[in-house]
Amino acid sequence: MTPVFDEHRAALEQHEFMLGIERGRLAVTLDLLTDALILIGQHGVYCTSSRNPNVPALDVQAVLQNMNGAKELIQSVMLELERKKTTQ
């Protein structure tokens, strides 16, 4: 097992039991991404753009955009798995 499985064993077991292995792991992944988004969002408050102090620095904006994109992709996979499950 990799460290992520050890660190998040309880959440993985709970979600895998409720949703199945694939969807449970995706759900925990979404939770981890959400936590990371919160942290990077807080960091963006202090790391502002030199051109416009009202927005995060460009690198923080890029990280936020990519992480939000990853969340959308994971959510779409979960919806597709649910759709396939209900049509079988």
PDB file of N, CA and C in Angstrom:
ATOM      1  N   MET A   1       0.837  -1.196   0.000  1.00  0.00           N
ATOM      2  CA  MET A   1       0.000   0.000   0.000  1.00  0.00           C
ATOM      3  C   MET A   1       0.876   1.251   0.000  1.00  0.00           C
ATOM      4  N   THR A   2       0.374   2.249  -0.680  1.00  0.00           N
ATOM      5  CA  THR A   2       1.071   3.524  -0.689  1.00  0.00           C
ATOM      6  C   THR A   2       0.614   4.359   0.493  1.00  0.00           C
ATOM      7  N   PRO A   3       1.380   5.387   0.849  1.00  0.00           N
ATOM      8  CA  PRO A   3       1.026   6.199   2.020  1.00  0.00           C
ATOM      9  C   PRO A   3      -0.391   6.782   1.972  1.00  0.00           C
ATOM     10  N   VAL A   4      -0.873   7.147   0.789  1.00  0.00           N
ATOM     11  CA  VAL A   4      -2.216   7.743   0.716  1.00  0.00           C
ATOM     12  C   VAL A   4      -3.276   6.759   1.211  1.00  0.00           C
ATOM     13  N   PHE A   5      -3.094   5.485   0.939  1.00  0.00           N
ATOM     14  CA  PHE A   5      -4.052   4.481   1.402  1.00  0.00           C
ATOM     15  C   PHE A   5      -3.992   4.329   2.916  1.00  0.00           C
ATOM     16  N   ASP A   6      -2.787   4.472   3.485  1.00  0.00           N
ATOM     17  CA  ASP A   6      -2.643   4.398   4.944  1.00  0.00           C
ATOM     18  C   ASP A   6      -3.201   5.652   5.613  1.00  0.00           C
ATOM     19  N   GLU A   7      -2.876   6.812   5.067  1.00  0.00           N
ATOM     20  CA  GLU A   7      -3.292   8.080   5.668  1.00  0.00           C
ATOM     21  C   GLU A   7      -4.805   8.266   5.663  1.00  0.00           C
ATOM     22  N   HIS A   8      -5.467   7.741   4.645  1.00  0.00           N
ATOM     23  CA  HIS A   8      -6.902   7.971   4.473  1.00  0.00           C
ATOM     24  C   HIS A   8      -7.703   6.670   4.534  1.00  0.00           C
ATOM     25  N   ARG A   9      -7.182   5.724   5.274  1.00  0.00           N
ATOM     26  CA  ARG A   9      -7.804   4.390   5.361  1.00  0.00           C
ATOM     27  C   ARG A   9      -9.272   4.458   5.790  1.00  0.00           C
ATOM     28  N   ALA A  10      -9.566   5.222   6.830  1.00  0.00           N
ATOM     29  CA  ALA A  10     -10.943   5.276   7.350  1.00  0.00           C
ATOM     30  C   ALA A  10     -11.903   5.850   6.308  1.00  0.00           C
ATOM     31  N   ALA A  11     -11.511   6.948   5.687  1.00  0.00           N
ATOM     32  CA  ALA A  11     -12.377   7.560   4.668  1.00  0.00           C
ATOM     33  C   ALA A  11     -12.546   6.626   3.477  1.00  0.00           C
ATOM     34  N   LEU A  12     -11.466   5.982   3.059  1.00  0.00           N
ATOM     35  CA  LEU A  12     -11.548   5.048   1.932  1.00  0.00           C
ATOM     36  C   LEU A  12     -12.483   3.886   2.258  1.00  0.00           C
ATOM     37  N   GLU A  13     -12.323   3.307   3.430  1.00  0.00           N
ATOM     38  CA  GLU A  13     -13.180   2.182   3.799  1.00  0.00           C
ATOM     39  C   GLU A  13     -14.648   2.596   3.835  1.00  0.00           C
ATOM     40  N   GLN A  14     -14.921   3.749   4.406  1.00  0.00           N
ATOM     41  CA  GLN A  14     -16.302   4.232   4.497  1.00  0.00           C
ATOM     42  C   GLN A  14     -16.898   4.466   3.112  1.00  0.00           C
ATOM     43  N   HIS A  15     -16.185   5.187   2.259  1.00  0.00           N
ATOM     44  CA  HIS A  15     -16.722   5.512   0.939  1.00  0.00           C
ATOM     45  C   HIS A  15     -16.778   4.291   0.022  1.00  0.00           C
ATOM     46  N   GLU A  16     -15.773   3.410   0.121  1.00  0.00           N
ATOM     47  CA  GLU A  16     -15.794   2.195  -0.697  1.00  0.00           C
ATOM     48  C   GLU A  16     -16.965   1.303  -0.295  1.00  0.00           C
ATOM     49  N   PHE A  17     -17.283   1.250   0.986  1.00  0.00           N
ATOM     50  CA  PHE A  17     -18.413   0.460   1.451  1.00  0.00           C
ATOM     51  C   PHE A  17     -19.725   1.035   0.910  1.00  0.00           C
ATOM     52  N   MET A  18     -19.863   2.362   0.969  1.00  0.00           N
ATOM     53  CA  MET A  18     -21.114   3.004   0.548  1.00  0.00           C
ATOM     54  C   MET A  18     -21.265   3.057  -0.969  1.00  0.00           C
ATOM     55  N   LEU A  19     -20.149   3.281  -1.684  1.00  0.00           N
ATOM     56  CA  LEU A  19     -20.247   3.576  -3.117  1.00  0.00           C
ATOM     57  C   LEU A  19     -19.603   2.535  -4.018  1.00  0.00           C
ATOM     58  N   GLY A  20     -18.898   1.586  -3.458  1.00  0.00           N
ATOM     59  CA  GLY A  20     -18.110   0.657  -4.255  1.00  0.00           C
ATOM     60  C   GLY A  20     -16.673   1.161  -4.331  1.00  0.00           C
ATOM     61  N   ILE A  21     -15.767   0.289  -4.738  1.00  0.00           N
ATOM     62  CA  ILE A  21     -14.344   0.638  -4.716  1.00  0.00           C
ATOM     63  C   ILE A  21     -14.039   1.838  -5.608  1.00  0.00           C
ATOM     64  N   GLU A  22     -14.447   1.781  -6.869  1.00  0.00           N
ATOM     65  CA  GLU A  22     -14.074   2.843  -7.808  1.00  0.00           C
ATOM     66  C   GLU A  22     -14.653   4.190  -7.391  1.00  0.00           C
ATOM     67  N   ARG A  23     -15.965   4.222  -7.192  1.00  0.00           N
ATOM     68  CA  ARG A  23     -16.616   5.490  -6.844  1.00  0.00           C
ATOM     69  C   ARG A  23     -16.199   5.970  -5.462  1.00  0.00           C
ATOM     70  N   GLY A  24     -15.944   5.063  -4.545  1.00  0.00           N
ATOM     71  CA  GLY A  24     -15.487   5.431  -3.211  1.00  0.00           C
ATOM     72  C   GLY A  24     -14.126   6.105  -3.252  1.00  0.00           C
ATOM     73  N   ARG A  25     -13.220   5.539  -4.046  1.00  0.00           N
ATOM     74  CA  ARG A  25     -11.894   6.147  -4.175  1.00  0.00           C
ATOM     75  C   ARG A  25     -11.969   7.491  -4.878  1.00  0.00           C
ATOM     76  N   LEU A  26     -12.839   7.584  -5.871  1.00  0.00           N
ATOM     77  CA  LEU A  26     -13.018   8.878  -6.540  1.00  0.00           C
ATOM     78  C   LEU A  26     -13.590   9.918  -5.580  1.00  0.00           C
ATOM     79  N   ALA A  27     -14.495   9.497  -4.710  1.00  0.00           N
ATOM     80  CA  ALA A  27     -15.084  10.421  -3.738  1.00  0.00           C
ATOM     81  C   ALA A  27     -14.022  10.939  -2.771  1.00  0.00           C
ATOM     82  N   VAL A  28     -13.152  10.056  -2.305  1.00  0.00           N
ATOM     83  CA  VAL A  28     -12.077  10.483  -1.404  1.00  0.00           C
ATOM     84  C   VAL A  28     -11.112  11.397  -2.160  1.00  0.00           C
ATOM     85  N   THR A  29     -10.847  11.092  -3.412  1.00  0.00           N
ATOM     86  CA  THR A  29      -9.994  11.954  -4.228  1.00  0.00           C
ATOM     87  C   THR A  29     -10.591  13.343  -4.343  1.00  0.00           C
ATOM     88  N   LEU A  30     -11.896  13.432  -4.550  1.00  0.00           N
ATOM     89  CA  LEU A  30     -12.560  14.737  -4.609  1.00  0.00           C
ATOM     90  C   LEU A  30     -12.416  15.484  -3.293  1.00  0.00           C
ATOM     91  N   ASP A  31     -12.540  14.781  -2.185  1.00  0.00           N
ATOM     92  CA  ASP A  31     -12.363  15.413  -0.878  1.00  0.00           C
ATOM     93  C   ASP A  31     -10.944  15.964  -0.721  1.00  0.00           C
ATOM     94  N   LEU A  32      -9.950  15.182  -1.155  1.00  0.00           N
ATOM     95  CA  LEU A  32      -8.562  15.634  -1.061  1.00  0.00           C
ATOM     96  C   LEU A  32      -8.314  16.848  -1.952  1.00  0.00           C
ATOM     97  N   LEU A  33      -8.869  16.820  -3.156  1.00  0.00           N
ATOM     98  CA  LEU A  33      -8.734  17.966  -4.055  1.00  0.00           C
ATOM     99  C   LEU A  33      -9.411  19.207  -3.482  1.00  0.00           C
ATOM    100  N   THR A  34     -10.565  19.016  -2.871  1.00  0.00           N
ATOM    101  CA  THR A  34     -11.280  20.139  -2.264  1.00  0.00           C
ATOM    102  C   THR A  34     -10.455  20.742  -1.132  1.00  0.00           C
ATOM    103  N   ASP A  35      -9.873  19.887  -0.304  1.00  0.00           N
ATOM    104  CA  ASP A  35      -9.013  20.384   0.777  1.00  0.00           C
ATOM    105  C   ASP A  35      -7.817  21.161   0.219  1.00  0.00           C
ATOM    106  N   ALA A  36      -7.211  20.628  -0.842  1.00  0.00           N
ATOM    107  CA  ALA A  36      -6.073  21.317  -1.459  1.00  0.00           C
ATOM    108  C   ALA A  36      -6.500  22.653  -2.068  1.00  0.00           C
ATOM    109  N   LEU A  37      -7.688  22.685  -2.669  1.00  0.00           N
ATOM    110  CA  LEU A  37      -8.194  23.937  -3.238  1.00  0.00           C
ATOM    111  C   LEU A  37      -8.392  24.995  -2.155  1.00  0.00           C
ATOM    112  N   ILE A  38      -8.867  24.568  -1.005  1.00  0.00           N
ATOM    113  CA  ILE A  38      -9.049  25.505   0.103  1.00  0.00           C
ATOM    114  C   ILE A  38      -7.701  26.071   0.530  1.00  0.00           C
ATOM    115  N   LEU A  39      -6.699  25.197   0.645  1.00  0.00           N
ATOM    116  CA  LEU A  39      -5.374  25.653   1.060  1.00  0.00           C
ATOM    117  C   LEU A  39      -4.746  26.595   0.036  1.00  0.00           C
ATOM    118  N   ILE A  40      -4.835  26.249  -1.233  1.00  0.00           N
ATOM    119  CA  ILE A  40      -4.244  27.107  -2.257  1.00  0.00           C
ATOM    120  C   ILE A  40      -5.026  28.410  -2.376  1.00  0.00           C
ATOM    121  N   GLY A  41      -6.334  28.348  -2.124  1.00  0.00           N
ATOM    122  CA  GLY A  41      -7.136  29.573  -2.114  1.00  0.00           C
ATOM    123  C   GLY A  41      -6.707  30.513  -1.001  1.00  0.00           C
ATOM    124  N   GLN A  42      -6.423  29.950   0.167  1.00  0.00           N
ATOM    125  CA  GLN A  42      -5.931  30.765   1.276  1.00  0.00           C
ATOM    126  C   GLN A  42      -4.563  31.352   0.939  1.00  0.00           C
ATOM    127  N   HIS A  43      -3.728  30.553   0.296  1.00  0.00           N
ATOM    128  CA  HIS A  43      -2.408  31.019  -0.119  1.00  0.00           C
ATOM    129  C   HIS A  43      -2.550  32.166  -1.126  1.00  0.00           C
ATOM    130  N   GLY A  44      -3.545  32.080  -1.993  1.00  0.00           N
ATOM    131  CA  GLY A  44      -3.773  33.114  -2.997  1.00  0.00           C
ATOM    132  C   GLY A  44      -4.112  34.464  -2.406  1.00  0.00           C
ATOM    133  N   VAL A  45      -4.638  34.468  -1.192  1.00  0.00           N
ATOM    134  CA  VAL A  45      -4.950  35.733  -0.525  1.00  0.00           C
ATOM    135  C   VAL A  45      -3.660  36.501  -0.239  1.00  0.00           C
ATOM    136  N   TYR A  46      -2.607  35.771   0.091  1.00  0.00           N
ATOM    137  CA  TYR A  46      -1.341  36.408   0.442  1.00  0.00           C
ATOM    138  C   TYR A  46      -0.396  36.549  -0.746  1.00  0.00           C
ATOM    139  N   CYS A  47      -0.566  35.720  -1.757  1.00  0.00           N
ATOM    140  CA  CYS A  47       0.274  35.757  -2.958  1.00  0.00           C
ATOM    141  C   CYS A  47      -0.509  36.421  -4.079  1.00  0.00           C
ATOM    142  N   THR A  48      -0.531  37.719  -4.083  1.00  0.00           N
ATOM    143  CA  THR A  48      -1.325  38.428  -5.082  1.00  0.00           C
ATOM    144  C   THR A  48      -0.476  38.823  -6.284  1.00  0.00           C
ATOM    145  N   SER A  49      -1.151  39.087  -7.359  1.00  0.00           N
ATOM    146  CA  SER A  49      -0.502  39.509  -8.590  1.00  0.00           C
ATOM    147  C   SER A  49       0.097  40.905  -8.407  1.00  0.00           C
ATOM    148  N   SER A  50       1.297  41.094  -8.947  1.00  0.00           N
ATOM    149  CA  SER A  50       1.911  42.424  -8.854  1.00  0.00           C
ATOM    150  C   SER A  50       1.175  43.433  -9.728  1.00  0.00           C
ATOM    151  N   ARG A  51       0.533  42.946 -10.783  1.00  0.00           N
ATOM    152  CA  ARG A  51      -0.230  43.831 -11.678  1.00  0.00           C
ATOM    153  C   ARG A  51      -1.582  44.208 -11.097  1.00  0.00           C
ATOM    154  N   ASN A  52      -2.213  43.248 -10.437  1.00  0.00           N
ATOM    155  CA  ASN A  52      -3.534  43.490  -9.871  1.00  0.00           C
ATOM    156  C   ASN A  52      -3.603  42.821  -8.501  1.00  0.00           C
ATOM    157  N   PRO A  53      -3.409  43.597  -7.446  1.00  0.00           N
ATOM    158  CA  PRO A  53      -3.382  43.005  -6.101  1.00  0.00           C
ATOM    159  C   PRO A  53      -4.712  42.387  -5.656  1.00  0.00           C
ATOM    160  N   ASN A  54      -5.771  42.558  -6.435  1.00  0.00           N
ATOM    161  CA  ASN A  54      -7.078  41.980  -6.082  1.00  0.00           C
ATOM    162  C   ASN A  54      -7.241  40.536  -6.532  1.00  0.00           C
ATOM    163  N   VAL A  55      -6.283  40.003  -7.274  1.00  0.00           N
ATOM    164  CA  VAL A  55      -6.364  38.623  -7.755  1.00  0.00           C
ATOM    165  C   VAL A  55      -5.099  37.871  -7.350  1.00  0.00           C
ATOM    166  N   PRO A  56      -5.194  36.546  -7.244  1.00  0.00           N
ATOM    167  CA  PRO A  56      -4.005  35.753  -6.900  1.00  0.00           C
ATOM    168  C   PRO A  56      -2.934  35.854  -7.996  1.00  0.00           C
ATOM    169  N   ALA A  57      -1.718  35.510  -7.627  1.00  0.00           N
ATOM    170  CA  ALA A  57      -0.622  35.459  -8.592  1.00  0.00           C
ATOM    171  C   ALA A  57      -0.965  34.470  -9.701  1.00  0.00           C
ATOM    172  N   LEU A  58      -0.347  34.653 -10.858  1.00  0.00           N
ATOM    173  CA  LEU A  58      -0.670  33.818 -12.025  1.00  0.00           C
ATOM    174  C   LEU A  58      -0.439  32.339 -11.763  1.00  0.00           C
ATOM    175  N   ASP A  59       0.630  31.995 -11.054  1.00  0.00           N
ATOM    176  CA  ASP A  59       0.865  30.572 -10.792  1.00  0.00           C
ATOM    177  C   ASP A  59      -0.217  29.981  -9.889  1.00  0.00           C
ATOM    178  N   VAL A  60      -0.694  30.760  -8.923  1.00  0.00           N
ATOM    179  CA  VAL A  60      -1.773  30.293  -8.058  1.00  0.00           C
ATOM    180  C   VAL A  60      -3.054  30.141  -8.871  1.00  0.00           C
ATOM    181  N   GLN A  61      -3.309  31.077  -9.778  1.00  0.00           N
ATOM    182  CA  GLN A  61      -4.484  30.980 -10.644  1.00  0.00           C
ATOM    183  C   GLN A  61      -4.416  29.720 -11.497  1.00  0.00           C
ATOM    184  N   ALA A  62      -3.236  29.409 -12.033  1.00  0.00           N
ATOM    185  CA  ALA A  62      -3.076  28.218 -12.872  1.00  0.00           C
ATOM    186  C   ALA A  62      -3.322  26.945 -12.069  1.00  0.00           C
ATOM    187  N   VAL A  63      -2.806  26.892 -10.847  1.00  0.00           N
ATOM    188  CA  VAL A  63      -3.021  25.712  -9.991  1.00  0.00           C
ATOM    189  C   VAL A  63      -4.504  25.552  -9.696  1.00  0.00           C
ATOM    190  N   LEU A  64      -5.160  26.644  -9.329  1.00  0.00           N
ATOM    191  CA  LEU A  64      -6.595  26.588  -9.040  1.00  0.00           C
ATOM    192  C   LEU A  64      -7.388  26.114 -10.254  1.00  0.00           C
ATOM    193  N   GLN A  65      -7.058  26.640 -11.420  1.00  0.00           N
ATOM    194  CA  GLN A  65      -7.773  26.253 -12.640  1.00  0.00           C
ATOM    195  C   GLN A  65      -7.587  24.765 -12.936  1.00  0.00           C
ATOM    196  N   ASN A  66      -6.368  24.269 -12.813  1.00  0.00           N
ATOM    197  CA  ASN A  66      -6.116  22.853 -13.098  1.00  0.00           C
ATOM    198  C   ASN A  66      -6.769  21.943 -12.067  1.00  0.00           C
ATOM    199  N   MET A  67      -6.748  22.338 -10.815  1.00  0.00           N
ATOM    200  CA  MET A  67      -7.374  21.513  -9.783  1.00  0.00           C
ATOM    201  C   MET A  67      -8.887  21.499  -9.949  1.00  0.00           C
ATOM    202  N   ASN A  68      -9.474  22.628 -10.288  1.00  0.00           N
ATOM    203  CA  ASN A  68     -10.919  22.648 -10.548  1.00  0.00           C
ATOM    204  C   ASN A  68     -11.259  21.788 -11.758  1.00  0.00           C
ATOM    205  N   GLY A  69     -10.420  21.818 -12.775  1.00  0.00           N
ATOM    206  CA  GLY A  69     -10.621  20.964 -13.945  1.00  0.00           C
ATOM    207  C   GLY A  69     -10.545  19.493 -13.580  1.00  0.00           C
ATOM    208  N   ALA A  70      -9.592  19.137 -12.724  1.00  0.00           N
ATOM    209  CA  ALA A  70      -9.462  17.745 -12.275  1.00  0.00           C
ATOM    210  C   ALA A  70     -10.708  17.310 -11.520  1.00  0.00           C
ATOM    211  N   LYS A  71     -11.236  18.196 -10.680  1.00  0.00           N
ATOM    212  CA  LYS A  71     -12.464  17.869  -9.946  1.00  0.00           C
ATOM    213  C   LYS A  71     -13.624  17.631 -10.906  1.00  0.00           C
ATOM    214  N   GLU A  72     -13.742  18.470 -11.926  1.00  0.00           N
ATOM    215  CA  GLU A  72     -14.827  18.294 -12.900  1.00  0.00           C
ATOM    216  C   GLU A  72     -14.706  16.959 -13.622  1.00  0.00           C
ATOM    217  N   LEU A  73     -13.480  16.584 -13.996  1.00  0.00           N
ATOM    218  CA  LEU A  73     -13.281  15.302 -14.674  1.00  0.00           C
ATOM    219  C   LEU A  73     -13.640  14.130 -13.763  1.00  0.00           C
ATOM    220  N   ILE A  74     -13.227  14.191 -12.525  1.00  0.00           N
ATOM    221  CA  ILE A  74     -13.552  13.119 -11.580  1.00  0.00           C
ATOM    222  C   ILE A  74     -15.055  13.031 -11.381  1.00  0.00           C
ATOM    223  N   GLN A  75     -15.713  14.178 -11.238  1.00  0.00           N
ATOM    224  CA  GLN A  75     -17.165  14.182 -11.076  1.00  0.00           C
ATOM    225  C   GLN A  75     -17.853  13.586 -12.298  1.00  0.00           C
ATOM    226  N   SER A  76     -17.324  13.873 -13.494  1.00  0.00           N
ATOM    227  CA  SER A  76     -17.939  13.314 -14.698  1.00  0.00           C
ATOM    228  C   SER A  76     -17.773  11.798 -14.746  1.00  0.00           C
ATOM    229  N   VAL A  77     -16.639  11.290 -14.276  1.00  0.00           N
ATOM    230  CA  VAL A  77     -16.426   9.838 -14.218  1.00  0.00           C
ATOM    231  C   VAL A  77     -17.409   9.205 -13.236  1.00  0.00           C
ATOM    232  N   MET A  78     -17.594   9.848 -12.085  1.00  0.00           N
ATOM    233  CA  MET A  78     -18.535   9.315 -11.091  1.00  0.00           C
ATOM    234  C   MET A  78     -19.949   9.286 -11.645  1.00  0.00           C
ATOM    235  N   LEU A  79     -20.343  10.331 -12.347  1.00  0.00           N
ATOM    236  CA  LEU A  79     -21.678  10.359 -12.952  1.00  0.00           C
ATOM    237  C   LEU A  79     -21.828   9.279 -14.017  1.00  0.00           C
ATOM    238  N   GLU A  80     -20.783   9.087 -14.795  1.00  0.00           N
ATOM    239  CA  GLU A  80     -20.835   8.042 -15.842  1.00  0.00           C
ATOM    240  C   GLU A  80     -20.912   6.653 -15.220  1.00  0.00           C
ATOM    241  N   LEU A  81     -20.159   6.417 -14.155  1.00  0.00           N
ATOM    242  CA  LEU A  81     -20.240   5.121 -13.464  1.00  0.00           C
ATOM    243  C   LEU A  81     -21.646   4.900 -12.912  1.00  0.00           C
ATOM    244  N   GLU A  82     -22.234   5.953 -12.352  1.00  0.00           N
ATOM    245  CA  GLU A  82     -23.602   5.844 -11.811  1.00  0.00           C
ATOM    246  C   GLU A  82     -24.605   5.572 -12.932  1.00  0.00           C
ATOM    247  N   ARG A  83     -24.429   6.264 -14.068  1.00  0.00           N
ATOM    248  CA  ARG A  83     -25.318   6.062 -15.208  1.00  0.00           C
ATOM    249  C   ARG A  83     -25.228   4.615 -15.700  1.00  0.00           C
ATOM    250  N   LYS A  84     -24.023   4.095 -15.825  1.00  0.00           N
ATOM    251  CA  LYS A  84     -23.844   2.718 -16.281  1.00  0.00           C
ATOM    252  C   LYS A  84     -24.432   1.732 -15.266  1.00  0.00           C
ATOM    253  N   LYS A  85     -24.292   2.033 -14.001  1.00  0.00           N
ATOM    254  CA  LYS A  85     -24.819   1.146 -12.949  1.00  0.00           C
ATOM    255  C   LYS A  85     -26.336   1.074 -13.009  1.00  0.00           C
ATOM    256  N   THR A  86     -26.995   2.203 -13.254  1.00  0.00           N
ATOM    257  CA  THR A  86     -28.460   2.232 -13.268  1.00  0.00           C
ATOM    258  C   THR A  86     -29.047   1.679 -14.557  1.00  0.00           C
ATOM    259  N   THR A  87     -28.265   1.633 -15.626  1.00  0.00           N
ATOM    260  CA  THR A  87     -28.788   1.096 -16.891  1.00  0.00           C
ATOM    261  C   THR A  87     -28.549  -0.404 -17.029  1.00  0.00           C
ATOM    262  N   GLN A  88     -27.834  -0.984 -16.099  1.00  0.00           N
ATOM    263  CA  GLN A  88     -27.573  -2.429 -16.189  1.00  0.00           C
ATOM    264  C   GLN A  88     -28.607  -3.231 -15.482  1.00  0.00           C
TER     265      GLN A  88
END
